[in-house]
Amino acid sequence: MRLARAFLSCSFLCGAPVWSGQRYDLIMVVRNISEAKAELSALIETVRKGNEVIIARAGKPVARLVAFRGPIRPRTPGSMAGEIRIAPDFDTLPDDLQEAFGIKEPRA
């Protein structure tokens, strides 16, 4: 029994998956900001294994560190061709904005 408790506590601290009898349960690791700074490399390895890390300040969660999955599918350039229209005067500022930005002399 002591060995099982030691394994579970080590698994919780290390963020490793724990066998619950039927499946592996992923453990959420919680660290305060100073611990996270000191253990960043280890926390990144924990995240790479599929676990998530919560970073807390004064015991309250402020950030979640999860694995980067990347885009679901690569972008296809030109996929919206013909569906977007830009007005012919898009690049022309109205007179009052030109005056405000000093592009045009203010009217007297």
C-alpha atoms as a PDB file:
ATOM      1  CA  MET A   1       0.000   0.000   0.000  1.00  0.00           C
ATOM      2  CA  ARG A   2       2.826   2.416   0.839  1.00  0.00           C
ATOM      3  CA  LEU A   3       4.418   1.748  -2.540  1.00  0.00           C
ATOM      4  CA  ALA A   4       1.141   2.549  -4.331  1.00  0.00           C
ATOM      5  CA  ARG A   5       0.786   5.781  -2.376  1.00  0.00           C
ATOM      6  CA  ALA A   6       4.374   6.725  -3.163  1.00  0.00           C
ATOM      7  CA  PHE A   7       3.775   5.995  -6.854  1.00  0.00           C
ATOM      8  CA  LEU A   8       0.586   8.074  -6.909  1.00  0.00           C
ATOM      9  CA  SER A   9       2.180  11.007  -5.108  1.00  0.00           C
ATOM     10  CA  CYS A  10       5.237  10.863  -7.387  1.00  0.00           C
ATOM     11  CA  SER A  11       2.947  10.650 -10.419  1.00  0.00           C
ATOM     12  CA  PHE A  12       0.999  13.661  -9.223  1.00  0.00           C
ATOM     13  CA  LEU A  13       4.146  15.668  -8.664  1.00  0.00           C
ATOM     14  CA  CYS A  14       5.752  14.564 -11.926  1.00  0.00           C
ATOM     15  CA  GLY A  15       2.576  14.857 -14.000  1.00  0.00           C
ATOM     16  CA  ALA A  16       2.856  11.309 -15.325  1.00  0.00           C
ATOM     17  CA  PRO A  17      -0.210   9.274 -16.360  1.00  0.00           C
ATOM     18  CA  VAL A  18      -1.620   7.138 -13.529  1.00  0.00           C
ATOM     19  CA  TRP A  19      -3.194   3.715 -14.133  1.00  0.00           C
ATOM     20  CA  SER A  20      -6.642   3.738 -12.519  1.00  0.00           C
ATOM     21  CA  GLY A  21      -7.377   0.066 -13.200  1.00  0.00           C
ATOM     22  CA  GLN A  22      -9.176   0.604 -16.497  1.00  0.00           C
ATOM     23  CA  ARG A  23      -7.400   3.522 -18.127  1.00  0.00           C
ATOM     24  CA  TYR A  24      -4.562   5.972 -17.694  1.00  0.00           C
ATOM     25  CA  ASP A  25      -5.703   9.173 -16.055  1.00  0.00           C
ATOM     26  CA  LEU A  26      -3.756  12.266 -17.006  1.00  0.00           C
ATOM     27  CA  ILE A  27      -2.834  14.405 -14.059  1.00  0.00           C
ATOM     28  CA  MET A  28      -3.159  18.174 -14.007  1.00  0.00           C
ATOM     29  CA  VAL A  29      -0.026  19.731 -12.525  1.00  0.00           C
ATOM     30  CA  VAL A  30      -0.393  22.972 -10.548  1.00  0.00           C
ATOM     31  CA  ARG A  31       2.620  25.205  -9.888  1.00  0.00           C
ATOM     32  CA  ASN A  32       2.981  28.709  -8.544  1.00  0.00           C
ATOM     33  CA  ILE A  33       4.794  31.253 -10.706  1.00  0.00           C
ATOM     34  CA  SER A  34       8.181  31.006  -8.976  1.00  0.00           C
ATOM     35  CA  GLU A  35       8.137  27.185  -9.184  1.00  0.00           C
ATOM     36  CA  ALA A  36       7.123  27.376 -12.851  1.00  0.00           C
ATOM     37  CA  LYS A  37      10.049  29.703 -13.592  1.00  0.00           C
ATOM     38  CA  ALA A  38      12.481  27.328 -11.903  1.00  0.00           C
ATOM     39  CA  GLU A  39      11.031  24.171 -13.548  1.00  0.00           C
ATOM     40  CA  LEU A  40      10.069  25.433 -17.005  1.00  0.00           C
ATOM     41  CA  SER A  41      11.944  22.727 -18.921  1.00  0.00           C
ATOM     42  CA  ALA A  42      10.405  19.970 -16.798  1.00  0.00           C
ATOM     43  CA  LEU A  43       6.932  21.485 -17.161  1.00  0.00           C
ATOM     44  CA  ILE A  44       7.325  21.585 -20.941  1.00  0.00           C
ATOM     45  CA  GLU A  45       8.203  17.880 -20.905  1.00  0.00           C
ATOM     46  CA  THR A  46       5.115  17.241 -18.775  1.00  0.00           C
ATOM     47  CA  VAL A  47       2.988  19.059 -21.349  1.00  0.00           C
ATOM     48  CA  ARG A  48       4.623  17.132 -24.218  1.00  0.00           C
ATOM     49  CA  LYS A  49       3.485  13.908 -22.506  1.00  0.00           C
ATOM     50  CA  GLY A  50      -0.123  15.069 -22.802  1.00  0.00           C
ATOM     51  CA  ASN A  51      -0.711  16.578 -19.379  1.00  0.00           C
ATOM     52  CA  GLU A  52      -1.698  20.133 -18.673  1.00  0.00           C
ATOM     53  CA  VAL A  53       0.004  22.535 -16.273  1.00  0.00           C
ATOM     54  CA  ILE A  54      -1.843  25.235 -14.362  1.00  0.00           C
ATOM     55  CA  ILE A  55       0.216  28.208 -13.201  1.00  0.00           C
ATOM     56  CA  ALA A  56      -1.158  29.949 -10.136  1.00  0.00           C
ATOM     57  CA  ARG A  57      -0.515  33.207  -8.333  1.00  0.00           C
ATOM     58  CA  ALA A  58      -1.358  33.262  -4.625  1.00  0.00           C
ATOM     59  CA  GLY A  59      -3.122  29.921  -5.044  1.00  0.00           C
ATOM     60  CA  LYS A  60      -5.451  31.148  -7.801  1.00  0.00           C
ATOM     61  CA  PRO A  61      -5.060  29.796 -11.370  1.00  0.00           C
ATOM     62  CA  VAL A  62      -3.916  32.472 -13.833  1.00  0.00           C
ATOM     63  CA  ALA A  63      -2.574  30.512 -16.832  1.00  0.00           C
ATOM     64  CA  ARG A  64      -2.786  27.091 -18.448  1.00  0.00           C
ATOM     65  CA  LEU A  65       0.150  25.491 -20.248  1.00  0.00           C
ATOM     66  CA  VAL A  66      -0.967  22.995 -22.902  1.00  0.00           C
ATOM     67  CA  ALA A  67       0.688  21.360 -25.901  1.00  0.00           C
ATOM     68  CA  PHE A  68       0.670  23.312 -29.158  1.00  0.00           C
ATOM     69  CA  ARG A  69      -1.342  21.419 -31.736  1.00  0.00           C
ATOM     70  CA  GLY A  70      -0.857  23.763 -34.703  1.00  0.00           C
ATOM     71  CA  PRO A  71      -3.471  24.510 -37.328  1.00  0.00           C
ATOM     72  CA  ILE A  72      -5.921  21.717 -38.086  1.00  0.00           C
ATOM     73  CA  ARG A  73      -5.243  21.966 -41.794  1.00  0.00           C
ATOM     74  CA  PRO A  74      -2.891  24.166 -43.771  1.00  0.00           C
ATOM     75  CA  ARG A  75      -4.266  27.386 -45.212  1.00  0.00           C
ATOM     76  CA  THR A  76      -5.063  27.488 -48.901  1.00  0.00           C
ATOM     77  CA  PRO A  77      -4.073  30.822 -50.447  1.00  0.00           C
ATOM     78  CA  GLY A  78      -6.788  32.292 -52.640  1.00  0.00           C
ATOM     79  CA  SER A  79      -9.611  30.232 -51.163  1.00  0.00           C
ATOM     80  CA  MET A  80     -11.764  33.386 -50.790  1.00  0.00           C
ATOM     81  CA  ALA A  81     -10.970  34.734 -54.284  1.00  0.00           C
ATOM     82  CA  GLY A  82     -13.959  36.551 -55.739  1.00  0.00           C
ATOM     83  CA  GLU A  83     -15.823  36.639 -52.397  1.00  0.00           C
ATOM     84  CA  ILE A  84     -14.229  39.788 -50.943  1.00  0.00           C
ATOM     85  CA  ARG A  85     -14.619  43.232 -52.457  1.00  0.00           C
ATOM     86  CA  ILE A  86     -12.504  46.243 -51.546  1.00  0.00           C
ATOM     87  CA  ALA A  87     -14.007  49.644 -52.266  1.00  0.00           C
ATOM     88  CA  PRO A  88     -12.156  51.743 -54.881  1.00  0.00           C
ATOM     89  CA  ASP A  89     -11.632  54.576 -52.359  1.00  0.00           C
ATOM     90  CA  PHE A  90     -10.269  52.239 -49.642  1.00  0.00           C
ATOM     91  CA  ASP A  91      -6.867  53.957 -49.430  1.00  0.00           C
ATOM     92  CA  THR A  92      -8.291  57.517 -49.498  1.00  0.00           C
ATOM     93  CA  LEU A  93      -8.755  59.211 -46.131  1.00  0.00           C
ATOM     94  CA  PRO A  94     -11.633  61.641 -45.624  1.00  0.00           C
ATOM     95  CA  ASP A  95     -10.603  65.316 -45.472  1.00  0.00           C
ATOM     96  CA  ASP A  96     -11.134  65.642 -41.696  1.00  0.00           C
ATOM     97  CA  LEU A  97      -8.821  62.671 -40.986  1.00  0.00           C
ATOM     98  CA  GLN A  98      -6.187  63.988 -43.382  1.00  0.00           C
ATOM     99  CA  GLU A  99      -6.260  67.262 -41.446  1.00  0.00           C
ATOM    100  CA  ALA A 100      -6.100  65.434 -38.101  1.00  0.00           C
ATOM    101  CA  PHE A 101      -2.995  63.482 -39.162  1.00  0.00           C
ATOM    102  CA  GLY A 102      -1.342  66.536 -40.699  1.00  0.00           C
ATOM    103  CA  ILE A 103      -1.468  65.150 -44.237  1.00  0.00           C
ATOM    104  CA  LYS A 104      -3.550  68.068 -45.457  1.00  0.00           C
ATOM    105  CA  GLU A 105      -3.500  71.677 -44.280  1.00  0.00           C
ATOM    106  CA  PRO A 106      -6.493  72.560 -42.108  1.00  0.00           C
ATOM    107  CA  ARG A 107      -9.174  74.691 -43.700  1.00  0.00           C
ATOM    108  CA  ALA A 108      -9.320  78.278 -42.564  1.00  0.00           C
END
